[in-house]
Amino acid sequence: MRQGKVLAILVVMAKVTSKLQVTIPRRLARECGIEPGDEVEWSATDSGLRITTPQPDLKHDVGARLKWFREAMARQDARQSKRKKRPASKDRGWTREDLYYYRGSR
């Protein structure tokens, strides 16, 4: 169903075939954006059946993920280009080895 659009309650009858197939009425299909070949999800509820269109699975949508990654990298590059670069300090009071070894254990 299209987001942001509230559909009026519409009751339409459809018959179940001998193969247990159901045809979605054309008017409902148009209003919900369902086209031939689209998949729908069926679920049982306390009051009957519910038919929904599946939401896109973004964790498998590689194109969208790459686009978001590139946008995030561009934002990060912009932030870092605005930062003032500090000169490297030669006398920090500690050495790299101090991070990995306890004093006196060498």
PDB file of N, CA and C in Angstrom:
ATOM      1  N   MET A   1       0.835  -1.163   0.000  1.00  0.00           N
ATOM      2  CA  MET A   1       0.000   0.000   0.000  1.00  0.00           C
ATOM      3  C   MET A   1       0.883   1.230   0.000  1.00  0.00           C
ATOM      4  N   ARG A   2       0.498   2.218  -0.711  1.00  0.00           N
ATOM      5  CA  ARG A   2       1.290   3.446  -0.757  1.00  0.00           C
ATOM      6  C   ARG A   2       1.289   4.107   0.605  1.00  0.00           C
ATOM      7  N   GLN A   3       2.454   4.591   1.032  1.00  0.00           N
ATOM      8  CA  GLN A   3       2.546   5.224   2.334  1.00  0.00           C
ATOM      9  C   GLN A   3       1.881   6.587   2.293  1.00  0.00           C
ATOM     10  N   GLY A   4       1.314   6.964   3.426  1.00  0.00           N
ATOM     11  CA  GLY A   4       0.714   8.275   3.533  1.00  0.00           C
ATOM     12  C   GLY A   4      -0.683   8.356   2.962  1.00  0.00           C
ATOM     13  N   LYS A   5      -1.204   7.280   2.429  1.00  0.00           N
ATOM     14  CA  LYS A   5      -2.530   7.297   1.835  1.00  0.00           C
ATOM     15  C   LYS A   5      -3.430   6.384   2.653  1.00  0.00           C
ATOM     16  N   VAL A   6      -4.542   6.902   3.117  1.00  0.00           N
ATOM     17  CA  VAL A   6      -5.488   6.110   3.876  1.00  0.00           C
ATOM     18  C   VAL A   6      -6.600   5.704   2.927  1.00  0.00           C
ATOM     19  N   LEU A   7      -6.815   4.417   2.840  1.00  0.00           N
ATOM     20  CA  LEU A   7      -7.859   3.915   1.962  1.00  0.00           C
ATOM     21  C   LEU A   7      -9.161   3.786   2.735  1.00  0.00           C
ATOM     22  N   ALA A   8     -10.260   4.122   2.067  1.00  0.00           N
ATOM     23  CA  ALA A   8     -11.559   3.898   2.670  1.00  0.00           C
ATOM     24  C   ALA A   8     -11.803   2.397   2.693  1.00  0.00           C
ATOM     25  N   ILE A   9     -12.588   1.954   3.641  1.00  0.00           N
ATOM     26  CA  ILE A   9     -12.893   0.532   3.719  1.00  0.00           C
ATOM     27  C   ILE A   9     -13.743   0.169   2.517  1.00  0.00           C
ATOM     28  N   LEU A  10     -13.272  -0.810   1.790  1.00  0.00           N
ATOM     29  CA  LEU A  10     -13.937  -1.239   0.570  1.00  0.00           C
ATOM     30  C   LEU A  10     -14.111  -2.743   0.654  1.00  0.00           C
ATOM     31  N   VAL A  11     -15.346  -3.182   0.582  1.00  0.00           N
ATOM     32  CA  VAL A  11     -15.627  -4.610   0.662  1.00  0.00           C
ATOM     33  C   VAL A  11     -15.871  -5.108  -0.757  1.00  0.00           C
ATOM     34  N   VAL A  12     -15.038  -6.041  -1.186  1.00  0.00           N
ATOM     35  CA  VAL A  12     -15.154  -6.616  -2.514  1.00  0.00           C
ATOM     36  C   VAL A  12     -15.071  -8.126  -2.350  1.00  0.00           C
ATOM     37  N   MET A  13     -15.925  -8.820  -3.029  1.00  0.00           N
ATOM     38  CA  MET A  13     -15.941 -10.285  -2.941  1.00  0.00           C
ATOM     39  C   MET A  13     -15.049 -10.872  -4.024  1.00  0.00           C
ATOM     40  N   ALA A  14     -14.405 -11.990  -3.696  1.00  0.00           N
ATOM     41  CA  ALA A  14     -13.609 -12.733  -4.662  1.00  0.00           C
ATOM     42  C   ALA A  14     -13.835 -14.212  -4.380  1.00  0.00           C
ATOM     43  N   LYS A  15     -13.848 -15.013  -5.424  1.00  0.00           N
ATOM     44  CA  LYS A  15     -14.057 -16.454  -5.258  1.00  0.00           C
ATOM     45  C   LYS A  15     -12.724 -17.175  -5.197  1.00  0.00           C
ATOM     46  N   VAL A  16     -12.714 -18.265  -4.464  1.00  0.00           N
ATOM     47  CA  VAL A  16     -11.547 -19.120  -4.378  1.00  0.00           C
ATOM     48  C   VAL A  16     -11.740 -20.234  -5.404  1.00  0.00           C
ATOM     49  N   THR A  17     -10.731 -20.453  -6.252  1.00  0.00           N
ATOM     50  CA  THR A  17     -10.831 -21.487  -7.285  1.00  0.00           C
ATOM     51  C   THR A  17     -10.564 -22.864  -6.684  1.00  0.00           C
ATOM     52  N   SER A  18     -10.727 -23.895  -7.499  1.00  0.00           N
ATOM     53  CA  SER A  18     -10.484 -25.264  -7.034  1.00  0.00           C
ATOM     54  C   SER A  18      -9.016 -25.482  -6.678  1.00  0.00           C
ATOM     55  N   LYS A  19      -8.117 -24.638  -7.200  1.00  0.00           N
ATOM     56  CA  LYS A  19      -6.689 -24.711  -6.867  1.00  0.00           C
ATOM     57  C   LYS A  19      -6.336 -23.791  -5.696  1.00  0.00           C
ATOM     58  N   LEU A  20      -7.369 -23.285  -5.013  1.00  0.00           N
ATOM     59  CA  LEU A  20      -7.223 -22.366  -3.885  1.00  0.00           C
ATOM     60  C   LEU A  20      -6.555 -21.051  -4.288  1.00  0.00           C
ATOM     61  N   GLN A  21      -6.796 -20.601  -5.502  1.00  0.00           N
ATOM     62  CA  GLN A  21      -6.261 -19.329  -5.972  1.00  0.00           C
ATOM     63  C   GLN A  21      -7.327 -18.246  -5.829  1.00  0.00           C
ATOM     64  N   VAL A  22      -6.876 -17.029  -5.538  1.00  0.00           N
ATOM     65  CA  VAL A  22      -7.776 -15.890  -5.383  1.00  0.00           C
ATOM     66  C   VAL A  22      -7.279 -14.770  -6.283  1.00  0.00           C
ATOM     67  N   THR A  23      -8.188 -14.121  -6.969  1.00  0.00           N
ATOM     68  CA  THR A  23      -7.832 -12.976  -7.802  1.00  0.00           C
ATOM     69  C   THR A  23      -8.075 -11.699  -7.010  1.00  0.00           C
ATOM     70  N   ILE A  24      -7.072 -10.843  -6.971  1.00  0.00           N
ATOM     71  CA  ILE A  24      -7.217  -9.552  -6.291  1.00  0.00           C
ATOM     72  C   ILE A  24      -8.023  -8.639  -7.202  1.00  0.00           C
ATOM     73  N   PRO A  25      -9.115  -8.080  -6.712  1.00  0.00           N
ATOM     74  CA  PRO A  25      -9.917  -7.191  -7.555  1.00  0.00           C
ATOM     75  C   PRO A  25      -9.067  -6.034  -8.097  1.00  0.00           C
ATOM     76  N   ARG A  26      -9.294  -5.704  -9.354  1.00  0.00           N
ATOM     77  CA  ARG A  26      -8.496  -4.698 -10.058  1.00  0.00           C
ATOM     78  C   ARG A  26      -8.452  -3.374  -9.310  1.00  0.00           C
ATOM     79  N   ARG A  27      -9.593  -2.938  -8.798  1.00  0.00           N
ATOM     80  CA  ARG A  27      -9.633  -1.636  -8.107  1.00  0.00           C
ATOM     81  C   ARG A  27      -8.716  -1.638  -6.876  1.00  0.00           C
ATOM     82  N   LEU A  28      -8.778  -2.710  -6.097  1.00  0.00           N
ATOM     83  CA  LEU A  28      -7.914  -2.798  -4.916  1.00  0.00           C
ATOM     84  C   LEU A  28      -6.443  -2.882  -5.317  1.00  0.00           C
ATOM     85  N   ALA A  29      -6.164  -3.652  -6.345  1.00  0.00           N
ATOM     86  CA  ALA A  29      -4.777  -3.785  -6.801  1.00  0.00           C
ATOM     87  C   ALA A  29      -4.222  -2.435  -7.229  1.00  0.00           C
ATOM     88  N   ARG A  30      -5.000  -1.667  -7.954  1.00  0.00           N
ATOM     89  CA  ARG A  30      -4.539  -0.334  -8.388  1.00  0.00           C
ATOM     90  C   ARG A  30      -4.297   0.578  -7.196  1.00  0.00           C
ATOM     91  N   GLU A  31      -5.251   0.604  -6.256  1.00  0.00           N
ATOM     92  CA  GLU A  31      -5.128   1.489  -5.098  1.00  0.00           C
ATOM     93  C   GLU A  31      -3.921   1.125  -4.230  1.00  0.00           C
ATOM     94  N   CYS A  32      -3.592  -0.159  -4.190  1.00  0.00           N
ATOM     95  CA  CYS A  32      -2.477  -0.616  -3.354  1.00  0.00           C
ATOM     96  C   CYS A  32      -1.167  -0.710  -4.121  1.00  0.00           C
ATOM     97  N   GLY A  33      -1.182  -0.409  -5.417  1.00  0.00           N
ATOM     98  CA  GLY A  33       0.037  -0.442  -6.213  1.00  0.00           C
ATOM     99  C   GLY A  33       0.522  -1.843  -6.518  1.00  0.00           C
ATOM    100  N   ILE A  34      -0.395  -2.814  -6.542  1.00  0.00           N
ATOM    101  CA  ILE A  34      -0.024  -4.191  -6.846  1.00  0.00           C
ATOM    102  C   ILE A  34      -0.160  -4.409  -8.336  1.00  0.00           C
ATOM    103  N   GLU A  35       0.890  -4.950  -8.933  1.00  0.00           N
ATOM    104  CA  GLU A  35       0.895  -5.205 -10.372  1.00  0.00           C
ATOM    105  C   GLU A  35       1.130  -6.687 -10.626  1.00  0.00           C
ATOM    106  N   PRO A  36       0.799  -7.178 -11.835  1.00  0.00           N
ATOM    107  CA  PRO A  36       1.044  -8.583 -12.143  1.00  0.00           C
ATOM    108  C   PRO A  36       2.509  -8.946 -11.913  1.00  0.00           C
ATOM    109  N   GLY A  37       2.729 -10.075 -11.260  1.00  0.00           N
ATOM    110  CA  GLY A  37       4.079 -10.522 -10.952  1.00  0.00           C
ATOM    111  C   GLY A  37       4.556 -10.123  -9.570  1.00  0.00           C
ATOM    112  N   ASP A  38       3.886  -9.158  -8.931  1.00  0.00           N
ATOM    113  CA  ASP A  38       4.260  -8.762  -7.570  1.00  0.00           C
ATOM    114  C   ASP A  38       3.932  -9.885  -6.597  1.00  0.00           C
ATOM    115  N   GLU A  39       4.654  -9.930  -5.503  1.00  0.00           N
ATOM    116  CA  GLU A  39       4.390 -10.915  -4.465  1.00  0.00           C
ATOM    117  C   GLU A  39       3.562 -10.272  -3.365  1.00  0.00           C
ATOM    118  N   VAL A  40       2.704 -11.073  -2.741  1.00  0.00           N
ATOM    119  CA  VAL A  40       1.930 -10.624  -1.584  1.00  0.00           C
ATOM    120  C   VAL A  40       2.148 -11.634  -0.473  1.00  0.00           C
ATOM    121  N   GLU A  41       2.051 -11.167   0.760  1.00  0.00           N
ATOM    122  CA  GLU A  41       2.213 -12.031   1.923  1.00  0.00           C
ATOM    123  C   GLU A  41       0.847 -12.315   2.528  1.00  0.00           C
ATOM    124  N   TRP A  42       0.607 -13.558   2.853  1.00  0.00           N
ATOM    125  CA  TRP A  42      -0.631 -13.992   3.477  1.00  0.00           C
ATOM    126  C   TRP A  42      -0.325 -14.350   4.925  1.00  0.00           C
ATOM    127  N   SER A  43      -1.164 -13.888   5.854  1.00  0.00           N
ATOM    128  CA  SER A  43      -0.989 -14.264   7.245  1.00  0.00           C
ATOM    129  C   SER A  43      -2.358 -14.465   7.886  1.00  0.00           C
ATOM    130  N   ALA A  44      -2.415 -15.406   8.801  1.00  0.00           N
ATOM    131  CA  ALA A  44      -3.661 -15.692   9.507  1.00  0.00           C
ATOM    132  C   ALA A  44      -3.763 -14.795  10.730  1.00  0.00           C
ATOM    133  N   THR A  45      -4.934 -14.239  10.944  1.00  0.00           N
ATOM    134  CA  THR A  45      -5.195 -13.417  12.125  1.00  0.00           C
ATOM    135  C   THR A  45      -6.407 -14.001  12.848  1.00  0.00           C
ATOM    136  N   ASP A  46      -6.719 -13.444  14.011  1.00  0.00           N
ATOM    137  CA  ASP A  46      -7.891 -13.922  14.751  1.00  0.00           C
ATOM    138  C   ASP A  46      -9.177 -13.703  13.976  1.00  0.00           C
ATOM    139  N   SER A  47      -9.204 -12.647  13.165  1.00  0.00           N
ATOM    140  CA  SER A  47     -10.439 -12.317  12.447  1.00  0.00           C
ATOM    141  C   SER A  47     -10.461 -12.828  11.013  1.00  0.00           C
ATOM    142  N   GLY A  48      -9.417 -13.492  10.559  1.00  0.00           N
ATOM    143  CA  GLY A  48      -9.408 -14.021   9.198  1.00  0.00           C
ATOM    144  C   GLY A  48      -8.028 -13.972   8.584  1.00  0.00           C
ATOM    145  N   LEU A  49      -7.968 -13.643   7.306  1.00  0.00           N
ATOM    146  CA  LEU A  49      -6.704 -13.566   6.583  1.00  0.00           C
ATOM    147  C   LEU A  49      -6.291 -12.122   6.381  1.00  0.00           C
ATOM    148  N   ARG A  50      -4.994 -11.909   6.340  1.00  0.00           N
ATOM    149  CA  ARG A  50      -4.463 -10.575   6.055  1.00  0.00           C
ATOM    150  C   ARG A  50      -3.508 -10.708   4.880  1.00  0.00           C
ATOM    151  N   ILE A  51      -3.679  -9.845   3.892  1.00  0.00           N
ATOM    152  CA  ILE A  51      -2.818  -9.838   2.712  1.00  0.00           C
ATOM    153  C   ILE A  51      -2.044  -8.529   2.717  1.00  0.00           C
ATOM    154  N   THR A  52      -0.718  -8.625   2.651  1.00  0.00           N
ATOM    155  CA  THR A  52       0.117  -7.422   2.623  1.00  0.00           C
ATOM    156  C   THR A  52       1.157  -7.556   1.524  1.00  0.00           C
ATOM    157  N   THR A  53       1.640  -6.410   1.067  1.00  0.00           N
ATOM    158  CA  THR A  53       2.746  -6.431   0.121  1.00  0.00           C
ATOM    159  C   THR A  53       4.024  -6.412   0.940  1.00  0.00           C
ATOM    160  N   PRO A  54       4.992  -7.248   0.616  1.00  0.00           N
ATOM    161  CA  PRO A  54       6.215  -7.293   1.425  1.00  0.00           C
ATOM    162  C   PRO A  54       7.001  -5.999   1.298  1.00  0.00           C
ATOM    163  N   GLN A  55       7.599  -5.596   2.410  1.00  0.00           N
ATOM    164  CA  GLN A  55       8.455  -4.416   2.405  1.00  0.00           C
ATOM    165  C   GLN A  55       9.810  -4.825   1.851  1.00  0.00           C
ATOM    166  N   PRO A  56      10.480  -3.948   1.118  1.00  0.00           N
ATOM    167  CA  PRO A  56      11.783  -4.315   0.576  1.00  0.00           C
ATOM    168  C   PRO A  56      12.767  -4.627   1.697  1.00  0.00           C
ATOM    169  N   ASP A  57      13.534  -5.664   1.516  1.00  0.00           N
ATOM    170  CA  ASP A  57      14.528  -6.082   2.499  1.00  0.00           C
ATOM    171  C   ASP A  57      15.805  -5.308   2.242  1.00  0.00           C
ATOM    172  N   LEU A  58      16.017  -4.255   3.036  1.00  0.00           N
ATOM    173  CA  LEU A  58      17.128  -3.349   2.774  1.00  0.00           C
ATOM    174  C   LEU A  58      18.489  -3.960   3.073  1.00  0.00           C
ATOM    175  N   LYS A  59      18.522  -4.974   3.918  1.00  0.00           N
ATOM    176  CA  LYS A  59      19.834  -5.537   4.206  1.00  0.00           C
ATOM    177  C   LYS A  59      20.384  -6.300   3.008  1.00  0.00           C
ATOM    178  N   HIS A  60      19.535  -6.616   2.031  1.00  0.00           N
ATOM    179  CA  HIS A  60      20.007  -7.288   0.829  1.00  0.00           C
ATOM    180  C   HIS A  60      20.039  -6.356  -0.378  1.00  0.00           C
ATOM    181  N   ASP A  61      19.601  -5.107  -0.192  1.00  0.00           N
ATOM    182  CA  ASP A  61      19.581  -4.149  -1.291  1.00  0.00           C
ATOM    183  C   ASP A  61      20.960  -3.490  -1.362  1.00  0.00           C
ATOM    184  N   VAL A  62      21.849  -4.098  -2.118  1.00  0.00           N
ATOM    185  CA  VAL A  62      23.239  -3.660  -2.170  1.00  0.00           C
ATOM    186  C   VAL A  62      23.361  -2.244  -2.734  1.00  0.00           C
ATOM    187  N   GLY A  63      22.570  -1.926  -3.745  1.00  0.00           N
ATOM    188  CA  GLY A  63      22.644  -0.591  -4.347  1.00  0.00           C
ATOM    189  C   GLY A  63      22.334   0.509  -3.350  1.00  0.00           C
ATOM    190  N   ALA A  64      21.291   0.332  -2.554  1.00  0.00           N
ATOM    191  CA  ALA A  64      20.916   1.340  -1.553  1.00  0.00           C
ATOM    192  C   ALA A  64      21.984   1.439  -0.473  1.00  0.00           C
ATOM    193  N   ARG A  65      22.515   0.301  -0.044  1.00  0.00           N
ATOM    194  CA  ARG A  65      23.552   0.321   0.990  1.00  0.00           C
ATOM    195  C   ARG A  65      24.808   1.029   0.500  1.00  0.00           C
ATOM    196  N   LEU A  66      25.194   0.792  -0.754  1.00  0.00           N
ATOM    197  CA  LEU A  66      26.372   1.482  -1.299  1.00  0.00           C
ATOM    198  C   LEU A  66      26.140   2.982  -1.395  1.00  0.00           C
ATOM    199  N   LYS A  67      24.928   3.358  -1.798  1.00  0.00           N
ATOM    200  CA  LYS A  67      24.594   4.783  -1.889  1.00  0.00           C
ATOM    201  C   LYS A  67      24.701   5.442  -0.516  1.00  0.00           C
ATOM    202  N   TRP A  68      24.142   4.804   0.527  1.00  0.00           N
ATOM    203  CA  TRP A  68      24.210   5.359   1.885  1.00  0.00           C
ATOM    204  C   TRP A  68      25.647   5.416   2.376  1.00  0.00           C
ATOM    205  N   PHE A  69      26.442   4.393   2.040  1.00  0.00           N
ATOM    206  CA  PHE A  69      27.840   4.383   2.457  1.00  0.00           C
ATOM    207  C   PHE A  69      28.601   5.540   1.818  1.00  0.00           C
ATOM    208  N   ARG A  70      28.388   5.755   0.530  1.00  0.00           N
ATOM    209  CA  ARG A  70      29.076   6.863  -0.169  1.00  0.00           C
ATOM    210  C   ARG A  70      28.670   8.215   0.407  1.00  0.00           C
ATOM    211  N   GLU A  71      27.367   8.365   0.715  1.00  0.00           N
ATOM    212  CA  GLU A  71      26.899   9.619   1.309  1.00  0.00           C
ATOM    213  C   GLU A  71      27.537   9.831   2.684  1.00  0.00           C
ATOM    214  N   ALA A  72      27.626   8.772   3.473  1.00  0.00           N
ATOM    215  CA  ALA A  72      28.241   8.888   4.800  1.00  0.00           C
ATOM    216  C   ALA A  72      29.721   9.231   4.688  1.00  0.00           C
ATOM    217  N   MET A  73      30.405   8.626   3.728  1.00  0.00           N
ATOM    218  CA  MET A  73      31.823   8.925   3.538  1.00  0.00           C
ATOM    219  C   MET A  73      32.025  10.377   3.092  1.00  0.00           C
ATOM    220  N   ALA A  74      31.139  10.872   2.254  1.00  0.00           N
ATOM    221  CA  ALA A  74      31.238  12.270   1.814  1.00  0.00           C
ATOM    222  C   ALA A  74      31.044  13.210   3.009  1.00  0.00           C
ATOM    223  N   ARG A  75      30.073  12.893   3.888  1.00  0.00           N
ATOM    224  CA  ARG A  75      29.864  13.718   5.085  1.00  0.00           C
ATOM    225  C   ARG A  75      31.088  13.679   5.990  1.00  0.00           C
ATOM    226  N   GLN A  76      31.667  12.490   6.162  1.00  0.00           N
ATOM    227  CA  GLN A  76      32.857  12.358   7.008  1.00  0.00           C
ATOM    228  C   GLN A  76      34.030  13.130   6.422  1.00  0.00           C
ATOM    229  N   ASP A  77      34.225  13.031   5.118  1.00  0.00           N
ATOM    230  CA  ASP A  77      35.309  13.784   4.467  1.00  0.00           C
ATOM    231  C   ASP A  77      35.110  15.288   4.649  1.00  0.00           C
ATOM    232  N   ALA A  78      33.857  15.745   4.536  1.00  0.00           N
ATOM    233  CA  ALA A  78      33.573  17.175   4.709  1.00  0.00           C
ATOM    234  C   ALA A  78      33.882  17.614   6.135  1.00  0.00           C
ATOM    235  N   ARG A  79      33.506  16.776   7.125  1.00  0.00           N
ATOM    236  CA  ARG A  79      33.810  17.116   8.529  1.00  0.00           C
ATOM    237  C   ARG A  79      35.307  17.168   8.762  1.00  0.00           C
ATOM    238  N   GLN A  80      36.034  16.194   8.241  1.00  0.00           N
ATOM    239  CA  GLN A  80      37.474  16.167   8.484  1.00  0.00           C
ATOM    240  C   GLN A  80      38.202  17.286   7.768  1.00  0.00           C
ATOM    241  N   SER A  81      37.688  17.727   6.631  1.00  0.00           N
ATOM    242  CA  SER A  81      38.366  18.817   5.921  1.00  0.00           C
ATOM    243  C   SER A  81      38.213  20.141   6.670  1.00  0.00           C
ATOM    244  N   LYS A  82      37.189  20.259   7.516  1.00  0.00           N
ATOM    245  CA  LYS A  82      36.973  21.487   8.292  1.00  0.00           C
ATOM    246  C   LYS A  82      37.817  21.526   9.564  1.00  0.00           C
ATOM    247  N   ARG A  83      38.284  20.367  10.009  1.00  0.00           N
ATOM    248  CA  ARG A  83      39.063  20.310  11.234  1.00  0.00           C
ATOM    249  C   ARG A  83      40.454  20.880  11.026  1.00  0.00           C
ATOM    250  N   LYS A  84      40.937  21.524  12.091  1.00  0.00           N
ATOM    251  CA  LYS A  84      42.312  22.005  12.053  1.00  0.00           C
ATOM    252  C   LYS A  84      43.218  20.825  12.355  1.00  0.00           C
ATOM    253  N   LYS A  85      44.247  20.698  11.584  1.00  0.00           N
ATOM    254  CA  LYS A  85      45.175  19.596  11.796  1.00  0.00           C
ATOM    255  C   LYS A  85      46.188  19.992  12.854  1.00  0.00           C
ATOM    256  N   ARG A  86      46.325  19.137  13.862  1.00  0.00           N
ATOM    257  CA  ARG A  86      47.284  19.390  14.931  1.00  0.00           C
ATOM    258  C   ARG A  86      48.627  18.791  14.537  1.00  0.00           C
ATOM    259  N   PRO A  87      49.679  19.502  14.809  1.00  0.00           N
ATOM    260  CA  PRO A  87      50.992  18.923  14.524  1.00  0.00           C
ATOM    261  C   PRO A  87      51.252  17.744  15.465  1.00  0.00           C
ATOM    262  N   ALA A  88      51.926  16.756  14.953  1.00  0.00           N
ATOM    263  CA  ALA A  88      52.236  15.578  15.758  1.00  0.00           C
ATOM    264  C   ALA A  88      53.189  15.963  16.884  1.00  0.00           C
ATOM    265  N   SER A  89      52.876  15.542  18.068  1.00  0.00           N
ATOM    266  CA  SER A  89      53.713  15.833  19.223  1.00  0.00           C
ATOM    267  C   SER A  89      54.756  14.739  19.376  1.00  0.00           C
ATOM    268  N   LYS A  90      56.001  15.136  19.514  1.00  0.00           N
ATOM    269  CA  LYS A  90      57.059  14.154  19.672  1.00  0.00           C
ATOM    270  C   LYS A  90      57.222  13.769  21.126  1.00  0.00           C
ATOM    271  N   ASP A  91      56.823  14.654  22.042  1.00  0.00           N
ATOM    272  CA  ASP A  91      56.974  14.353  23.454  1.00  0.00           C
ATOM    273  C   ASP A  91      55.586  14.260  24.082  1.00  0.00           C
ATOM    274  N   ARG A  92      55.007  13.084  24.032  1.00  0.00           N
ATOM    275  CA  ARG A  92      53.680  12.861  24.589  1.00  0.00           C
ATOM    276  C   ARG A  92      53.738  12.421  26.032  1.00  0.00           C
ATOM    277  N   GLY A  93      54.896  11.989  26.454  1.00  0.00           N
ATOM    278  CA  GLY A  93      55.005  11.466  27.804  1.00  0.00           C
ATOM    279  C   GLY A  93      54.827   9.956  27.838  1.00  0.00           C
ATOM    280  N   TRP A  94      54.610   9.342  26.700  1.00  0.00           N
ATOM    281  CA  TRP A  94      54.478   7.889  26.604  1.00  0.00           C
ATOM    282  C   TRP A  94      54.933   7.439  25.230  1.00  0.00           C
ATOM    283  N   THR A  95      55.236   6.179  25.118  1.00  0.00           N
ATOM    284  CA  THR A  95      55.648   5.617  23.832  1.00  0.00           C
ATOM    285  C   THR A  95      54.659   4.531  23.423  1.00  0.00           C
ATOM    286  N   ARG A  96      54.729   4.131  22.211  1.00  0.00           N
ATOM    287  CA  ARG A  96      53.848   3.080  21.708  1.00  0.00           C
ATOM    288  C   ARG A  96      54.038   1.787  22.506  1.00  0.00           C
ATOM    289  N   GLU A  97      55.273   1.507  22.862  1.00  0.00           N
ATOM    290  CA  GLU A  97      55.549   0.297  23.618  1.00  0.00           C
ATOM    291  C   GLU A  97      54.859   0.321  24.977  1.00  0.00           C
ATOM    292  N   ASP A  98      54.721   1.522  25.566  1.00  0.00           N
ATOM    293  CA  ASP A  98      54.032   1.631  26.854  1.00  0.00           C
ATOM    294  C   ASP A  98      52.584   1.156  26.755  1.00  0.00           C
ATOM    295  N   LEU A  99      52.000   1.244  25.602  1.00  0.00           N
ATOM    296  CA  LEU A  99      50.613   0.811  25.436  1.00  0.00           C
ATOM    297  C   LEU A  99      50.480  -0.703  25.470  1.00  0.00           C
ATOM    298  N   TYR A 100      51.536  -1.403  25.086  1.00  0.00           N
ATOM    299  CA  TYR A 100      51.456  -2.853  24.946  1.00  0.00           C
ATOM    300  C   TYR A 100      52.173  -3.625  26.039  1.00  0.00           C
ATOM    301  N   TYR A 101      53.073  -2.994  26.781  1.00  0.00           N
ATOM    302  CA  TYR A 101      53.859  -3.673  27.796  1.00  0.00           C
ATOM    303  C   TYR A 101      53.727  -2.938  29.112  1.00  0.00           C
ATOM    304  N   TYR A 102      53.693  -3.718  30.194  1.00  0.00           N
ATOM    305  CA  TYR A 102      53.732  -3.101  31.500  1.00  0.00           C
ATOM    306  C   TYR A 102      55.159  -2.674  31.804  1.00  0.00           C
ATOM    307  N   ARG A 103      55.294  -1.610  32.505  1.00  0.00           N
ATOM    308  CA  ARG A 103      56.630  -1.155  32.855  1.00  0.00           C
ATOM    309  C   ARG A 103      57.334  -2.235  33.685  1.00  0.00           C
ATOM    310  N   GLY A 104      58.540  -2.503  33.337  1.00  0.00           N
ATOM    311  CA  GLY A 104      59.332  -3.484  34.068  1.00  0.00           C
ATOM    312  C   GLY A 104      59.157  -4.898  33.547  1.00  0.00           C
ATOM    313  N   SER A 105      58.224  -5.139  32.617  1.00  0.00           N
ATOM    314  CA  SER A 105      58.030  -6.500  32.111  1.00  0.00           C
ATOM    315  C   SER A 105      58.861  -6.762  30.865  1.00  0.00           C
ATOM    316  N   ARG A 106      59.578  -5.738  30.386  1.00  0.00           N
ATOM    317  CA  ARG A 106      60.392  -5.918  29.174  1.00  0.00           C
ATOM    318  C   ARG A 106      61.691  -6.540  29.483  1.00  0.00           C
TER     319      ARG A 106
END
